[in-house]
C-alpha atoms as a PDB file:
ATOM      1  CA  MET A   1     -29.058 -16.283  74.333  1.00  0.00           C
ATOM      2  CA  LYS A   2     -26.375 -13.948  74.235  1.00  0.00           C
ATOM      3  CA  ILE A   3     -26.261 -13.704  77.726  1.00  0.00           C
ATOM      4  CA  LEU A   4     -25.372 -17.223  78.300  1.00  0.00           C
ATOM      5  CA  VAL A   5     -22.829 -17.402  75.365  1.00  0.00           C
ATOM      6  CA  LEU A   6     -21.048 -13.977  77.033  1.00  0.00           C
ATOM      7  CA  ILE A   7     -21.335 -15.850  80.826  1.00  0.00           C
ATOM      8  CA  LEU A   8     -19.602 -18.971  79.744  1.00  0.00           C
ATOM      9  CA  ALA A   9     -16.659 -17.284  77.883  1.00  0.00           C
ATOM     10  CA  THR A  10     -16.098 -15.434  80.825  1.00  0.00           C
ATOM     11  CA  THR A  11     -15.768 -18.894  82.973  1.00  0.00           C
ATOM     12  CA  ALA A  12     -13.824 -20.011  80.260  1.00  0.00           C
ATOM     13  CA  PHE A  13     -11.274 -17.446  80.220  1.00  0.00           C
ATOM     14  CA  THR A  14     -11.312 -17.054  84.304  1.00  0.00           C
ATOM     15  CA  LEU A  15     -11.099 -21.213  84.608  1.00  0.00           C
ATOM     16  CA  THR A  16      -7.786 -20.746  82.171  1.00  0.00           C
ATOM     17  CA  GLY A  17      -6.942 -18.017  84.874  1.00  0.00           C
ATOM     18  CA  CYS A  18      -6.354 -20.589  87.634  1.00  0.00           C
ATOM     19  CA  ASN A  19      -3.441 -21.924  89.227  1.00  0.00           C
ATOM     20  CA  THR A  20      -5.305 -24.233  92.058  1.00  0.00           C
ATOM     21  CA  VAL A  21      -8.175 -26.929  92.111  1.00  0.00           C
ATOM     22  CA  GLN A  22      -9.285 -24.587  95.285  1.00  0.00           C
ATOM     23  CA  GLY A  23      -9.748 -21.416  92.659  1.00  0.00           C
ATOM     24  CA  ILE A  24     -11.248 -24.118  89.650  1.00  0.00           C
ATOM     25  CA  GLY A  25     -13.729 -24.617  92.571  1.00  0.00           C
ATOM     26  CA  LYS A  26     -14.949 -21.191  93.228  1.00  0.00           C
ATOM     27  CA  ASP A  27     -14.575 -19.724  89.258  1.00  0.00           C
ATOM     28  CA  ILE A  28     -17.625 -22.810  88.550  1.00  0.00           C
ATOM     29  CA  GLU A  29     -19.510 -21.561  91.755  1.00  0.00           C
ATOM     30  CA  LYS A  30     -19.617 -17.686  90.515  1.00  0.00           C
ATOM     31  CA  GLY A  31     -20.444 -19.145  86.958  1.00  0.00           C
ATOM     32  CA  GLY A  32     -23.139 -21.035  88.446  1.00  0.00           C
ATOM     33  CA  GLU A  33     -24.095 -18.043  90.417  1.00  0.00           C
ATOM     34  CA  ALA A  34     -24.557 -15.682  87.164  1.00  0.00           C
ATOM     35  CA  ILE A  35     -26.402 -18.025  85.223  1.00  0.00           C
ATOM     36  CA  GLN A  36     -28.746 -18.053  87.730  1.00  0.00           C
ATOM     37  CA  LYS A  37     -28.956 -14.645  88.207  1.00  0.00           C
ATOM     38  CA  ALA A  38     -29.597 -14.416  84.221  1.00  0.00           C
ATOM     39  CA  VAL A  39     -32.423 -17.508  84.204  1.00  0.00           C
ATOM     40  CA  LYS A  40     -34.717 -15.492  86.717  1.00  0.00           C
END
């Protein structure tokens, strides 16, 4: 559970640093991949 909270917080901070829609899409994809790795 702590890992999930950490991942979500990191994703939120990363998204605030994006300037483009394309960048946001890439960050969301990376966040999803990190969550999938954490679940395995």
